[in-house]
Protein backbone atom coordinates (compact mmCIF):
# COMPACT_ATOMS: atom_id res chain seq x y z
CA MET A 1 79.21 93.83 45.22
CA ASN A 2 82.21 92.04 46.59
CA HIS A 3 85.61 91.82 44.93
CA TYR A 4 84.89 88.49 43.22
CA GLN A 5 81.63 89.73 41.77
CA LYS A 6 83.43 92.73 40.28
CA ILE A 7 86.07 90.47 38.72
CA ALA A 8 83.35 88.20 37.30
CA THR A 9 81.58 91.26 35.85
CA VAL A 10 84.75 92.40 34.11
CA LEU A 11 85.40 88.90 32.72
CA VAL A 12 81.85 88.55 31.43
CA ARG A 13 82.06 91.99 29.80
CA ALA A 14 85.36 91.06 28.17
CA ALA A 15 83.85 87.84 26.81
CA GLY A 16 80.85 89.77 25.49
CA ALA A 17 83.07 92.36 23.83
CA ALA A 18 85.19 89.63 22.24
CA ALA A 19 82.14 87.80 20.88
CA ALA A 20 80.69 91.04 19.48
CA ALA A 21 84.04 91.89 17.88
CA VAL A 22 84.21 88.48 16.18
CA GLY A 23 80.69 88.99 14.88
CA VAL A 24 81.44 92.46 13.56
CA LEU A 25 84.59 91.23 11.83
CA GLY A 26 82.69 88.38 10.19
CA PHE A 27 80.00 90.77 9.02
CA VAL A 28 82.58 93.19 7.61
CA TYR A 29 84.37 90.33 5.82
CA GLY A 30 81.16 89.13 4.20
CA THR A 31 80.18 92.67 3.26
CA VAL A 32 83.55 93.27 1.59
CA LEU A 33 83.21 90.05 -0.40
CA VAL A 34 79.74 91.00 -1.58
CA ALA A 35 80.86 94.56 -2.42
CA ARG A 36 83.73 93.22 -4.55
CA GLY A 37 81.25 91.15 -6.54
CA THR A 38 82.56 87.82 -5.29
CA SER A 39 79.86 85.23 -4.83
CA LEU A 40 79.74 83.70 -1.38
CA SER A 41 80.17 79.97 -1.04
CA PRO A 42 77.55 78.22 1.12
CA ASP A 43 80.03 78.06 4.01
CA GLN A 44 80.84 81.75 3.75
CA ALA A 45 77.15 82.65 3.55
CA GLU A 46 76.48 80.64 6.69
CA ARG A 47 79.33 82.36 8.53
CA TYR A 48 78.08 85.72 7.28
CA GLY A 49 74.64 84.98 8.71
CA SER A 50 75.93 83.60 11.99
CA SER A 51 78.01 86.72 12.60
CA VAL A 52 74.75 88.49 13.43
CA TRP A 53 74.18 85.97 16.24
CA TYR A 54 77.69 86.58 17.57
CA VAL A 55 76.98 90.31 17.75
CA VAL A 56 73.63 89.76 19.47
CA PHE A 57 75.07 87.25 21.95
CA GLY A 58 78.06 89.50 22.67
CA LEU A 59 75.88 92.53 23.29
CA MET A 60 73.59 90.52 25.56
CA LEU A 61 76.58 89.32 27.59
CA PHE A 62 77.96 92.84 27.79
CA LEU A 63 74.65 94.34 28.90
CA LEU A 64 73.84 91.56 31.37
CA ALA A 65 77.35 91.44 32.84
CA ARG A 66 76.45 92.99 36.19
CA PRO A 67 73.66 90.52 37.11
CA LEU A 68 75.73 87.60 35.79
CA GLY A 69 78.77 88.82 37.74
CA ARG A 70 76.71 88.98 40.91
CA LEU A 71 75.44 85.47 40.29
CA LEU A 72 78.88 84.01 39.51
CA GLY A 73 80.64 85.72 42.43
CA ARG A 74 77.99 85.06 45.04
CA GLY A 75 79.19 83.23 48.12
CA LEU A 76 82.91 83.50 47.37
CA ASP A 77 83.76 85.82 50.27
């Protein structure tokens, strides 16, 4: 791996970690609302459900960072 591929790998991992963190925070927020007995509005319920997709997408980015970094940094020497 060249220098640019390593930088791309780090950036992709950072983006994946950020997306997973946003998903976890959304899930925790929805869980706290449900635990307090507050009913979720339709918008909040949709955000609560989509937080799962943020976690999945973030983990996929994090785990596939090395191949994506190689692809993004190829030919930049």
